Amino acid sequence: MADLSVKICGVKLKNPVIAASGTFGFGREYNEIYDISVIGGISTKGMTLEPRLGNPVPRIAEGKSVILNAVGLQNPGVDHFIKDDLPFLKEKGVTIVANVAGKSFDDYGAICAKLDGLVDFVELNISCPNVKAGGMAFGIKPESIKQVTRVAKSGLKKTPLMVKLSPNVESIPVNAQAAQSGGADCVSLINTLTGMVIDVERRKPVIANNTGGVSGAGIKPVALRMVYEAAHSVDIPVIGMGGITCGVDVIEFMMAGAKAVQVGTANFTDANAMPRIISETNAWLDKHGIGNINEIVNTLKLN
């Protein structure tokens, strides 16, 4: 058995496989299938200051090797999480990544202050629209990324800040550098791509919101390229995600420079995906005589 433990921003994870936000809820449902203490960590459902009902239905659609979603951050709010879900996750002993979102810079600062010292990481979802600035997502322009990161960081005195980067941008390296400049302790990527599925009989988009976030196995090559670019443009740890379905995928992302990974859509197609992926990752390391998973990080050799 290889040593699968990794350390990110001083936080030790038992293995590098983290459940991605929005695909694992707060862990309770999956814990009925297997003991979630075996996974490296959980990035929670995206939380806002106040409860949200989300977008109208339908808000999920299938594509080839991908799914689209426009759930709209339906969640019970941060106070509910602190009271009802956080104690459960602490009891399970998993690394807790609190994914947070807001409609304004002030929202991000306030929610981070509420969570400071209670969780292992705060992960900023900056793909949300800034309602006070015409609706453009916080994570599109480097200046906005730097500003929202700085505001969020001001609310955190004890907890490391992870900034989740959108792929729907001009330059991932520039935006990763903006997050670092704003005070991010690490970055995670990629969030979903923007896409559309059309019902040709109705001549309308399948999703009520018209467009949705694309995730799943089909986006992995795009995600892998962006993770490589980010990891080679900043000095802070990078957590990679996007289309991971097996242990070899984990190895690829870590060779590209990721210190850990997040697994999302695979949890929908295989409820036991994460324990299986952890086992497959260990098997690959054993097969190649590698005793510590950290030995493969950033070992990619370009042609």
C-alpha atoms as a PDB file:
ATOM      1  CA  MET A   1       0.000   0.000   0.000  1.00  0.00           C
ATOM      2  CA  ALA A   2       1.376   3.369  -1.050  1.00  0.00           C
ATOM      3  CA  ASP A   3       1.156   6.413   1.198  1.00  0.00           C
ATOM      4  CA  LEU A   4      -1.741   8.377  -0.295  1.00  0.00           C
ATOM      5  CA  SER A   5      -1.700  11.239   2.214  1.00  0.00           C
ATOM      6  CA  VAL A   6      -1.144  14.776   0.957  1.00  0.00           C
ATOM      7  CA  LYS A   7      -0.679  18.093   2.728  1.00  0.00           C
ATOM      8  CA  ILE A   8      -2.192  21.284   1.331  1.00  0.00           C
ATOM      9  CA  CYS A   9      -1.719  24.636   3.076  1.00  0.00           C
ATOM     10  CA  GLY A  10      -0.747  22.778   6.233  1.00  0.00           C
ATOM     11  CA  VAL A  11      -3.877  20.606   6.188  1.00  0.00           C
ATOM     12  CA  LYS A  12      -3.268  16.850   5.942  1.00  0.00           C
ATOM     13  CA  LEU A  13      -5.685  14.778   3.845  1.00  0.00           C
ATOM     14  CA  LYS A  14      -5.669  10.983   4.159  1.00  0.00           C
ATOM     15  CA  ASN A  15      -5.738  10.777   0.351  1.00  0.00           C
ATOM     16  CA  PRO A  16      -5.989  13.350  -2.467  1.00  0.00           C
ATOM     17  CA  VAL A  17      -9.532  12.467  -3.605  1.00  0.00           C
ATOM     18  CA  ILE A  18     -12.106  15.101  -2.584  1.00  0.00           C
ATOM     19  CA  ALA A  19     -15.811  15.115  -3.451  1.00  0.00           C
ATOM     20  CA  ALA A  20     -16.563  18.073  -5.717  1.00  0.00           C
ATOM     21  CA  SER A  21     -19.097  20.696  -4.712  1.00  0.00           C
ATOM     22  CA  GLY A  22     -22.656  20.164  -5.856  1.00  0.00           C
ATOM     23  CA  THR A  23     -22.273  16.442  -6.441  1.00  0.00           C
ATOM     24  CA  PHE A  24     -22.090  15.158  -2.881  1.00  0.00           C
ATOM     25  CA  GLY A  25     -24.484  17.363  -0.944  1.00  0.00           C
ATOM     26  CA  PHE A  26     -23.224  17.482   2.644  1.00  0.00           C
ATOM     27  CA  GLY A  27     -22.274  13.798   2.609  1.00  0.00           C
ATOM     28  CA  ARG A  28     -25.241  12.279   4.432  1.00  0.00           C
ATOM     29  CA  GLU A  29     -26.787  10.432   1.485  1.00  0.00           C
ATOM     30  CA  TYR A  30     -23.517   8.883   0.339  1.00  0.00           C
ATOM     31  CA  ASN A  31     -22.718   7.859   3.897  1.00  0.00           C
ATOM     32  CA  GLU A  32     -25.715   5.520   3.656  1.00  0.00           C
ATOM     33  CA  ILE A  33     -23.882   3.724   0.819  1.00  0.00           C
ATOM     34  CA  TYR A  34     -20.352   3.676   2.261  1.00  0.00           C
ATOM     35  CA  ASP A  35     -18.437   5.198   5.154  1.00  0.00           C
ATOM     36  CA  ILE A  36     -17.442   8.581   3.757  1.00  0.00           C
ATOM     37  CA  SER A  37     -14.543   8.806   6.217  1.00  0.00           C
ATOM     38  CA  VAL A  38     -12.515   6.831   3.624  1.00  0.00           C
ATOM     39  CA  ILE A  39     -12.356   9.771   1.199  1.00  0.00           C
ATOM     40  CA  GLY A  40      -9.865  12.589   1.350  1.00  0.00           C
ATOM     41  CA  GLY A  41     -12.398  15.347   1.829  1.00  0.00           C
ATOM     42  CA  ILE A  42     -15.733  16.871   0.894  1.00  0.00           C
ATOM     43  CA  SER A  43     -16.341  20.143  -0.873  1.00  0.00           C
ATOM     44  CA  THR A  44     -19.835  20.947   0.281  1.00  0.00           C
ATOM     45  CA  LYS A  45     -22.843  22.009  -1.707  1.00  0.00           C
ATOM     46  CA  GLY A  46     -22.349  25.644  -2.619  1.00  0.00           C
ATOM     47  CA  MET A  47     -23.663  27.801   0.224  1.00  0.00           C
ATOM     48  CA  THR A  48     -24.962  31.355   0.342  1.00  0.00           C
ATOM     49  CA  LEU A  49     -25.699  33.669   3.260  1.00  0.00           C
ATOM     50  CA  GLU A  50     -29.443  33.058   2.924  1.00  0.00           C
ATOM     51  CA  PRO A  51     -31.282  29.901   1.772  1.00  0.00           C
ATOM     52  CA  ARG A  52     -31.896  29.642  -1.976  1.00  0.00           C
ATOM     53  CA  LEU A  53     -34.528  27.681  -3.915  1.00  0.00           C
ATOM     54  CA  GLY A  54     -32.513  27.580  -7.132  1.00  0.00           C
ATOM     55  CA  ASN A  55     -33.595  27.719 -10.755  1.00  0.00           C
ATOM     56  CA  PRO A  56     -36.851  26.439 -12.288  1.00  0.00           C
ATOM     57  CA  VAL A  57     -36.966  22.894 -13.645  1.00  0.00           C
ATOM     58  CA  PRO A  58     -35.857  21.170 -15.772  1.00  0.00           C
ATOM     59  CA  ARG A  59     -32.348  21.992 -14.644  1.00  0.00           C
ATOM     60  CA  ILE A  60     -30.440  18.838 -15.608  1.00  0.00           C
ATOM     61  CA  ALA A  61     -29.788  17.554 -19.141  1.00  0.00           C
ATOM     62  CA  GLU A  62     -27.628  14.821 -20.632  1.00  0.00           C
ATOM     63  CA  GLY A  63     -25.122  15.158 -23.437  1.00  0.00           C
ATOM     64  CA  LYS A  64     -22.673  12.628 -24.838  1.00  0.00           C
ATOM     65  CA  SER A  65     -20.174  11.828 -22.053  1.00  0.00           C
ATOM     66  CA  VAL A  66     -21.320  14.943 -20.178  1.00  0.00           C
ATOM     67  CA  ILE A  67     -24.226  16.354 -18.222  1.00  0.00           C
ATOM     68  CA  LEU A  68     -25.457  19.930 -17.983  1.00  0.00           C
ATOM     69  CA  ASN A  69     -26.876  21.513 -14.871  1.00  0.00           C
ATOM     70  CA  ALA A  70     -28.432  24.829 -13.979  1.00  0.00           C
ATOM     71  CA  VAL A  71     -29.460  24.086 -10.401  1.00  0.00           C
ATOM     72  CA  GLY A  72     -28.915  27.671  -9.341  1.00  0.00           C
ATOM     73  CA  LEU A  73     -27.185  27.086  -6.018  1.00  0.00           C
ATOM     74  CA  GLN A  74     -30.184  25.647  -4.204  1.00  0.00           C
ATOM     75  CA  ASN A  75     -29.030  25.369  -0.589  1.00  0.00           C
ATOM     76  CA  PRO A  76     -30.272  25.813   2.994  1.00  0.00           C
ATOM     77  CA  GLY A  77     -27.922  28.701   3.794  1.00  0.00           C
ATOM     78  CA  VAL A  78     -24.710  28.883   5.806  1.00  0.00           C
ATOM     79  CA  ASP A  79     -26.338  29.085   9.242  1.00  0.00           C
ATOM     80  CA  HIS A  80     -28.230  25.835   8.622  1.00  0.00           C
ATOM     81  CA  PHE A  81     -24.966  24.212   7.522  1.00  0.00           C
ATOM     82  CA  ILE A  82     -23.150  25.312  10.676  1.00  0.00           C
ATOM     83  CA  LYS A  83     -25.939  24.078  12.923  1.00  0.00           C
ATOM     84  CA  ASP A  84     -27.025  20.830  11.238  1.00  0.00           C
ATOM     85  CA  ASP A  85     -24.423  19.594   8.744  1.00  0.00           C
ATOM     86  CA  LEU A  86     -21.045  20.666  10.101  1.00  0.00           C
ATOM     87  CA  PRO A  87     -21.315  18.510  13.279  1.00  0.00           C
ATOM     88  CA  PHE A  88     -22.028  15.440  11.123  1.00  0.00           C
ATOM     89  CA  LEU A  89     -18.998  16.054   8.899  1.00  0.00           C
ATOM     90  CA  LYS A  90     -16.728  16.668  11.885  1.00  0.00           C
ATOM     91  CA  GLU A  91     -17.921  13.403  13.413  1.00  0.00           C
ATOM     92  CA  LYS A  92     -16.942  11.589  10.198  1.00  0.00           C
ATOM     93  CA  GLY A  93     -13.414  12.997  10.365  1.00  0.00           C
ATOM     94  CA  VAL A  94     -13.198  14.093   6.732  1.00  0.00           C
ATOM     95  CA  THR A  95     -11.457  17.213   5.530  1.00  0.00           C
ATOM     96  CA  ILE A  96     -14.187  19.844   5.152  1.00  0.00           C
ATOM     97  CA  VAL A  97     -14.061  22.265   2.233  1.00  0.00           C
ATOM     98  CA  ALA A  98     -16.912  24.777   2.564  1.00  0.00           C
ATOM     99  CA  ASN A  99     -17.899  25.947  -0.913  1.00  0.00           C
ATOM    100  CA  VAL A 100     -19.411  29.444  -0.785  1.00  0.00           C
ATOM    101  CA  ALA A 101     -21.056  31.856  -3.199  1.00  0.00           C
ATOM    102  CA  GLY A 102     -22.426  35.366  -3.132  1.00  0.00           C
ATOM    103  CA  LYS A 103     -24.185  38.101  -5.070  1.00  0.00           C
ATOM    104  CA  SER A 104     -21.774  40.829  -4.005  1.00  0.00           C
ATOM    105  CA  PHE A 105     -18.288  41.293  -2.588  1.00  0.00           C
ATOM    106  CA  ASP A 106     -19.809  41.928   0.827  1.00  0.00           C
ATOM    107  CA  ASP A 107     -21.609  38.560   0.685  1.00  0.00           C
ATOM    108  CA  TYR A 108     -18.295  36.753   0.254  1.00  0.00           C
ATOM    109  CA  GLY A 109     -16.664  38.594   3.124  1.00  0.00           C
ATOM    110  CA  ALA A 110     -19.583  37.930   5.453  1.00  0.00           C
ATOM    111  CA  ILE A 111     -19.940  34.226   4.732  1.00  0.00           C
ATOM    112  CA  CYS A 112     -16.193  33.662   5.087  1.00  0.00           C
ATOM    113  CA  ALA A 113     -16.231  35.379   8.468  1.00  0.00           C
ATOM    114  CA  LYS A 114     -19.011  33.035   9.620  1.00  0.00           C
ATOM    115  CA  LEU A 115     -17.011  29.951   8.611  1.00  0.00           C
ATOM    116  CA  ASP A 116     -13.567  31.034   9.760  1.00  0.00           C
ATOM    117  CA  GLY A 117     -12.021  28.464  12.077  1.00  0.00           C
ATOM    118  CA  LEU A 118     -14.930  26.032  11.680  1.00  0.00           C
ATOM    119  CA  VAL A 119     -13.842  24.237   8.482  1.00  0.00           C
ATOM    120  CA  ASP A 120     -10.552  23.113   6.948  1.00  0.00           C
ATOM    121  CA  PHE A 121     -10.856  25.228   3.775  1.00  0.00           C
ATOM    122  CA  VAL A 122     -13.224  27.771   2.308  1.00  0.00           C
ATOM    123  CA  GLU A 123     -13.635  27.361  -1.459  1.00  0.00           C
ATOM    124  CA  LEU A 124     -14.877  30.424  -3.362  1.00  0.00           C
ATOM    125  CA  ASN A 125     -17.319  29.762  -6.179  1.00  0.00           C
ATOM    126  CA  ILE A 126     -16.609  32.832  -8.293  1.00  0.00           C
ATOM    127  CA  SER A 127     -18.624  31.698 -11.311  1.00  0.00           C
ATOM    128  CA  CYS A 128     -21.634  33.489  -9.777  1.00  0.00           C
ATOM    129  CA  PRO A 129     -22.979  36.739 -11.291  1.00  0.00           C
ATOM    130  CA  ASN A 130     -22.114  39.964  -9.494  1.00  0.00           C
ATOM    131  CA  VAL A 131     -25.587  41.488  -9.323  1.00  0.00           C
ATOM    132  CA  LYS A 132     -24.179  44.915  -8.369  1.00  0.00           C
ATOM    133  CA  ALA A 133     -21.955  45.031 -11.459  1.00  0.00           C
ATOM    134  CA  GLY A 134     -24.305  44.164 -14.310  1.00  0.00           C
ATOM    135  CA  GLY A 135     -24.382  40.408 -13.760  1.00  0.00           C
ATOM    136  CA  MET A 136     -20.910  39.495 -15.020  1.00  0.00           C
ATOM    137  CA  ALA A 137     -19.437  36.585 -13.085  1.00  0.00           C
ATOM    138  CA  PHE A 138     -16.843  37.440 -10.434  1.00  0.00           C
ATOM    139  CA  GLY A 139     -14.472  34.911 -11.980  1.00  0.00           C
ATOM    140  CA  ILE A 140     -14.287  36.302 -15.538  1.00  0.00           C
ATOM    141  CA  LYS A 141     -11.854  39.212 -15.242  1.00  0.00           C
ATOM    142  CA  PRO A 142      -8.559  39.127 -13.300  1.00  0.00           C
ATOM    143  CA  GLU A 143      -9.325  42.420 -11.544  1.00  0.00           C
ATOM    144  CA  SER A 144     -12.601  41.075 -10.172  1.00  0.00           C
ATOM    145  CA  ILE A 145     -10.980  37.786  -9.134  1.00  0.00           C
ATOM    146  CA  LYS A 146      -8.291  39.648  -7.234  1.00  0.00           C
ATOM    147  CA  GLN A 147     -10.857  41.865  -5.516  1.00  0.00           C
ATOM    148  CA  VAL A 148     -13.281  39.121  -4.453  1.00  0.00           C
ATOM    149  CA  THR A 149     -10.365  37.013  -3.241  1.00  0.00           C
ATOM    150  CA  ARG A 150      -9.033  39.891  -1.166  1.00  0.00           C
ATOM    151  CA  VAL A 151     -12.467  40.536   0.375  1.00  0.00           C
ATOM    152  CA  ALA A 152     -12.966  36.849   1.190  1.00  0.00           C
ATOM    153  CA  LYS A 153      -9.481  36.570   2.644  1.00  0.00           C
ATOM    154  CA  SER A 154     -10.169  39.538   4.928  1.00  0.00           C
ATOM    155  CA  GLY A 155     -12.866  37.438   6.612  1.00  0.00           C
ATOM    156  CA  LEU A 156     -10.544  34.494   7.195  1.00  0.00           C
ATOM    157  CA  LYS A 157      -7.970  34.584   9.976  1.00  0.00           C
ATOM    158  CA  LYS A 158      -7.632  30.821  10.593  1.00  0.00           C
ATOM    159  CA  THR A 159      -8.952  28.970   7.553  1.00  0.00           C
ATOM    160  CA  PRO A 160      -7.075  28.648   4.230  1.00  0.00           C
ATOM    161  CA  LEU A 161      -8.794  30.106   1.160  1.00  0.00           C
ATOM    162  CA  MET A 162      -9.258  28.061  -2.006  1.00  0.00           C
ATOM    163  CA  VAL A 163     -10.466  29.904  -5.119  1.00  0.00           C
ATOM    164  CA  LYS A 164     -12.358  27.840  -7.698  1.00  0.00           C
ATOM    165  CA  LEU A 165     -11.560  29.094 -11.188  1.00  0.00           C
ATOM    166  CA  SER A 166     -13.992  29.243 -14.083  1.00  0.00           C
ATOM    167  CA  PRO A 167     -12.839  27.825 -17.445  1.00  0.00           C
ATOM    168  CA  ASN A 168     -15.029  30.317 -19.342  1.00  0.00           C
ATOM    169  CA  VAL A 169     -12.266  32.915 -19.473  1.00  0.00           C
ATOM    170  CA  GLU A 170      -9.594  34.342 -21.727  1.00  0.00           C
ATOM    171  CA  SER A 171      -6.587  33.106 -19.730  1.00  0.00           C
ATOM    172  CA  ILE A 172      -6.461  30.556 -16.928  1.00  0.00           C
ATOM    173  CA  PRO A 173      -2.825  31.395 -16.022  1.00  0.00           C
ATOM    174  CA  VAL A 174      -3.619  35.114 -15.684  1.00  0.00           C
ATOM    175  CA  ASN A 175      -6.711  34.420 -13.576  1.00  0.00           C
ATOM    176  CA  ALA A 176      -4.854  31.937 -11.372  1.00  0.00           C
ATOM    177  CA  GLN A 177      -2.196  34.603 -10.799  1.00  0.00           C
ATOM    178  CA  ALA A 178      -4.931  37.122  -9.940  1.00  0.00           C
ATOM    179  CA  ALA A 179      -6.291  34.771  -7.276  1.00  0.00           C
ATOM    180  CA  GLN A 180      -2.795  34.319  -5.854  1.00  0.00           C
ATOM    181  CA  SER A 181      -2.229  38.077  -5.875  1.00  0.00           C
ATOM    182  CA  GLY A 182      -5.525  38.572  -4.021  1.00  0.00           C
ATOM    183  CA  GLY A 183      -4.359  36.294  -1.216  1.00  0.00           C
ATOM    184  CA  ALA A 184      -5.611  32.825  -2.209  1.00  0.00           C
ATOM    185  CA  ASP A 185      -3.820  30.019  -0.400  1.00  0.00           C
ATOM    186  CA  CYS A 186      -4.640  27.572  -3.213  1.00  0.00           C
ATOM    187  CA  VAL A 187      -6.792  27.345  -6.333  1.00  0.00           C
ATOM    188  CA  SER A 188      -9.106  24.639  -7.644  1.00  0.00           C
ATOM    189  CA  LEU A 189     -10.179  24.146 -11.259  1.00  0.00           C
ATOM    190  CA  ILE A 190     -12.055  23.740 -13.404  1.00  0.00           C
ATOM    191  CA  ASN A 191     -15.585  24.758 -12.648  1.00  0.00           C
ATOM    192  CA  THR A 192     -18.129  23.801 -15.320  1.00  0.00           C
ATOM    193  CA  LEU A 193     -17.987  24.933 -18.926  1.00  0.00           C
ATOM    194  CA  THR A 194     -21.042  26.724 -20.301  1.00  0.00           C
ATOM    195  CA  GLY A 195     -23.148  24.713 -22.735  1.00  0.00           C
ATOM    196  CA  MET A 196     -26.567  23.983 -24.205  1.00  0.00           C
ATOM    197  CA  VAL A 197     -28.656  20.942 -25.159  1.00  0.00           C
ATOM    198  CA  ILE A 198     -31.567  21.375 -27.584  1.00  0.00           C
ATOM    199  CA  ASP A 199     -34.805  19.416 -27.801  1.00  0.00           C
ATOM    200  CA  VAL A 200     -35.208  19.349 -31.596  1.00  0.00           C
ATOM    201  CA  GLU A 201     -38.892  18.405 -31.424  1.00  0.00           C
ATOM    202  CA  ARG A 202     -39.766  21.468 -29.346  1.00  0.00           C
ATOM    203  CA  ARG A 203     -36.990  23.567 -30.896  1.00  0.00           C
ATOM    204  CA  LYS A 204     -36.135  24.741 -27.416  1.00  0.00           C
ATOM    205  CA  PRO A 205     -33.261  24.220 -24.969  1.00  0.00           C
ATOM    206  CA  VAL A 206     -33.843  21.254 -22.664  1.00  0.00           C
ATOM    207  CA  ILE A 207     -32.889  23.272 -19.582  1.00  0.00           C
ATOM    208  CA  ALA A 208     -35.316  25.948 -18.417  1.00  0.00           C
ATOM    209  CA  ASN A 209     -32.372  28.295 -17.876  1.00  0.00           C
ATOM    210  CA  ASN A 210     -31.411  27.734 -21.571  1.00  0.00           C
ATOM    211  CA  THR A 211     -27.739  27.135 -20.762  1.00  0.00           C
ATOM    212  CA  GLY A 212     -26.044  25.127 -18.054  1.00  0.00           C
ATOM    213  CA  GLY A 213     -22.714  24.050 -16.656  1.00  0.00           C
ATOM    214  CA  VAL A 214     -21.119  21.147 -18.531  1.00  0.00           C
ATOM    215  CA  SER A 215     -19.353  18.448 -16.501  1.00  0.00           C
ATOM    216  CA  GLY A 216     -18.444  14.796 -16.860  1.00  0.00           C
ATOM    217  CA  ALA A 217     -15.868  12.606 -18.570  1.00  0.00           C
ATOM    218  CA  GLY A 218     -16.043  14.544 -21.834  1.00  0.00           C
ATOM    219  CA  ILE A 219     -14.452  17.689 -20.400  1.00  0.00           C
ATOM    220  CA  LYS A 220     -11.353  15.991 -18.996  1.00  0.00           C
ATOM    221  CA  PRO A 221      -8.876  16.974 -21.759  1.00  0.00           C
ATOM    222  CA  VAL A 222      -9.858  20.634 -21.391  1.00  0.00           C
ATOM    223  CA  ALA A 223      -9.605  20.454 -17.609  1.00  0.00           C
ATOM    224  CA  LEU A 224      -6.249  18.685 -17.718  1.00  0.00           C
ATOM    225  CA  ARG A 225      -4.760  21.352 -19.978  1.00  0.00           C
ATOM    226  CA  MET A 226      -6.023  24.162 -17.773  1.00  0.00           C
ATOM    227  CA  VAL A 227      -4.774  22.515 -14.580  1.00  0.00           C
ATOM    228  CA  TYR A 228      -1.338  22.124 -16.160  1.00  0.00           C
ATOM    229  CA  GLU A 229      -1.328  25.808 -17.166  1.00  0.00           C
ATOM    230  CA  ALA A 230      -2.451  26.977 -13.732  1.00  0.00           C
ATOM    231  CA  ALA A 231       0.017  24.776 -11.867  1.00  0.00           C
ATOM    232  CA  HIS A 232       2.871  26.243 -13.890  1.00  0.00           C
ATOM    233  CA  SER A 233       1.814  29.852 -13.422  1.00  0.00           C
ATOM    234  CA  VAL A 234       1.403  30.131  -9.635  1.00  0.00           C
ATOM    235  CA  ASP A 235       3.362  29.225  -6.514  1.00  0.00           C
ATOM    236  CA  ILE A 236       0.343  28.036  -4.512  1.00  0.00           C
ATOM    237  CA  PRO A 237      -1.136  24.511  -4.577  1.00  0.00           C
ATOM    238  CA  VAL A 238      -3.550  23.550  -7.352  1.00  0.00           C
ATOM    239  CA  ILE A 239      -6.453  21.131  -6.912  1.00  0.00           C
ATOM    240  CA  GLY A 240      -7.591  19.657 -10.232  1.00  0.00           C
ATOM    241  CA  MET A 241     -10.986  18.473 -11.370  1.00  0.00           C
ATOM    242  CA  GLY A 242     -13.001  17.887 -14.498  1.00  0.00           C
ATOM    243  CA  GLY A 243     -14.064  14.500 -15.849  1.00  0.00           C
ATOM    244  CA  ILE A 244     -12.223  12.275 -13.363  1.00  0.00           C
ATOM    245  CA  THR A 245     -13.749   8.775 -13.406  1.00  0.00           C
ATOM    246  CA  CYS A 246     -10.893   6.405 -12.497  1.00  0.00           C
ATOM    247  CA  GLY A 247      -7.559   6.111 -10.734  1.00  0.00           C
ATOM    248  CA  VAL A 248      -5.520   6.747 -13.878  1.00  0.00           C
ATOM    249  CA  ASP A 249      -7.324  10.077 -14.258  1.00  0.00           C
ATOM    250  CA  VAL A 250      -6.111  11.037 -10.776  1.00  0.00           C
ATOM    251  CA  ILE A 251      -2.557  10.132 -11.766  1.00  0.00           C
ATOM    252  CA  GLU A 252      -2.822  12.283 -14.897  1.00  0.00           C
ATOM    253  CA  PHE A 253      -3.997  15.362 -13.023  1.00  0.00           C
ATOM    254  CA  MET A 254      -1.288  14.985 -10.407  1.00  0.00           C
ATOM    255  CA  MET A 255       1.398  14.475 -13.041  1.00  0.00           C
ATOM    256  CA  ALA A 256       0.142  17.714 -14.605  1.00  0.00           C
ATOM    257  CA  GLY A 257       0.822  19.512 -11.318  1.00  0.00           C
ATOM    258  CA  ALA A 258      -2.273  19.070  -9.133  1.00  0.00           C
ATOM    259  CA  LYS A 259      -1.600  18.366  -5.456  1.00  0.00           C
ATOM    260  CA  ALA A 260      -5.079  16.839  -5.031  1.00  0.00           C
ATOM    261  CA  VAL A 261      -8.215  16.318  -7.103  1.00  0.00           C
ATOM    262  CA  GLN A 262     -11.970  16.611  -6.851  1.00  0.00           C
ATOM    263  CA  VAL A 263     -14.422  14.058  -8.236  1.00  0.00           C
ATOM    264  CA  GLY A 264     -17.881  15.240  -9.211  1.00  0.00           C
ATOM    265  CA  THR A 265     -20.129  13.856 -11.940  1.00  0.00           C
ATOM    266  CA  ALA A 266     -18.694  10.337 -11.572  1.00  0.00           C
ATOM    267  CA  ASN A 267     -20.605  10.145  -8.274  1.00  0.00           C
ATOM    268  CA  PHE A 268     -23.861  10.321 -10.234  1.00  0.00           C
ATOM    269  CA  THR A 269     -23.057   7.407 -12.542  1.00  0.00           C
ATOM    270  CA  ASP A 270     -21.423   5.250  -9.845  1.00  0.00           C
ATOM    271  CA  ALA A 271     -22.393   5.855  -6.220  1.00  0.00           C
ATOM    272  CA  ASN A 272     -19.201   4.063  -5.132  1.00  0.00           C
ATOM    273  CA  ALA A 273     -16.991   6.010  -7.525  1.00  0.00           C
ATOM    274  CA  MET A 274     -14.749   7.637  -4.943  1.00  0.00           C
ATOM    275  CA  PRO A 275     -13.749   4.555  -2.929  1.00  0.00           C
ATOM    276  CA  ARG A 276     -13.141   2.771  -6.245  1.00  0.00           C
ATOM    277  CA  ILE A 277     -11.023   5.643  -7.589  1.00  0.00           C
ATOM    278  CA  ILE A 278      -8.939   5.711  -4.403  1.00  0.00           C
ATOM    279  CA  SER A 279      -8.363   1.961  -4.682  1.00  0.00           C
ATOM    280  CA  GLU A 280      -7.431   2.225  -8.372  1.00  0.00           C
ATOM    281  CA  THR A 281      -5.026   5.066  -7.646  1.00  0.00           C
ATOM    282  CA  ASN A 282      -3.281   2.974  -5.001  1.00  0.00           C
ATOM    283  CA  ALA A 283      -3.144  -0.018  -7.361  1.00  0.00           C
ATOM    284  CA  TRP A 284      -1.439   2.088 -10.051  1.00  0.00           C
ATOM    285  CA  LEU A 285       1.173   3.324  -7.583  1.00  0.00           C
ATOM    286  CA  ASP A 286       1.816  -0.216  -6.327  1.00  0.00           C
ATOM    287  CA  LYS A 287       2.156  -1.513  -9.881  1.00  0.00           C
ATOM    288  CA  HIS A 288       4.762   1.151 -10.663  1.00  0.00           C
ATOM    289  CA  GLY A 289       6.673   0.737  -7.398  1.00  0.00           C
ATOM    290  CA  ILE A 290       5.851   4.210  -6.111  1.00  0.00           C
ATOM    291  CA  GLY A 291       5.589   4.372  -2.327  1.00  0.00           C
ATOM    292  CA  ASN A 292       4.277   7.907  -1.915  1.00  0.00           C
ATOM    293  CA  ILE A 293       1.740   9.622  -4.155  1.00  0.00           C
ATOM    294  CA  ASN A 294       3.460  12.976  -3.797  1.00  0.00           C
ATOM    295  CA  GLU A 295       6.323  11.586  -5.896  1.00  0.00           C
ATOM    296  CA  ILE A 296       4.211  11.837  -9.068  1.00  0.00           C
ATOM    297  CA  VAL A 297       3.155  15.474  -8.670  1.00  0.00           C
ATOM    298  CA  ASN A 298       4.371  17.694 -11.529  1.00  0.00           C
ATOM    299  CA  THR A 299       6.329  14.925 -13.248  1.00  0.00           C
ATOM    300  CA  LEU A 300       4.848  15.387 -16.723  1.00  0.00           C
ATOM    301  CA  LYS A 301       7.455  15.448 -19.497  1.00  0.00           C
ATOM    302  CA  LEU A 302       6.381  17.446 -22.540  1.00  0.00           C
ATOM    303  CA  ASN A 303       7.256  16.205 -26.026  1.00  0.00           C
END
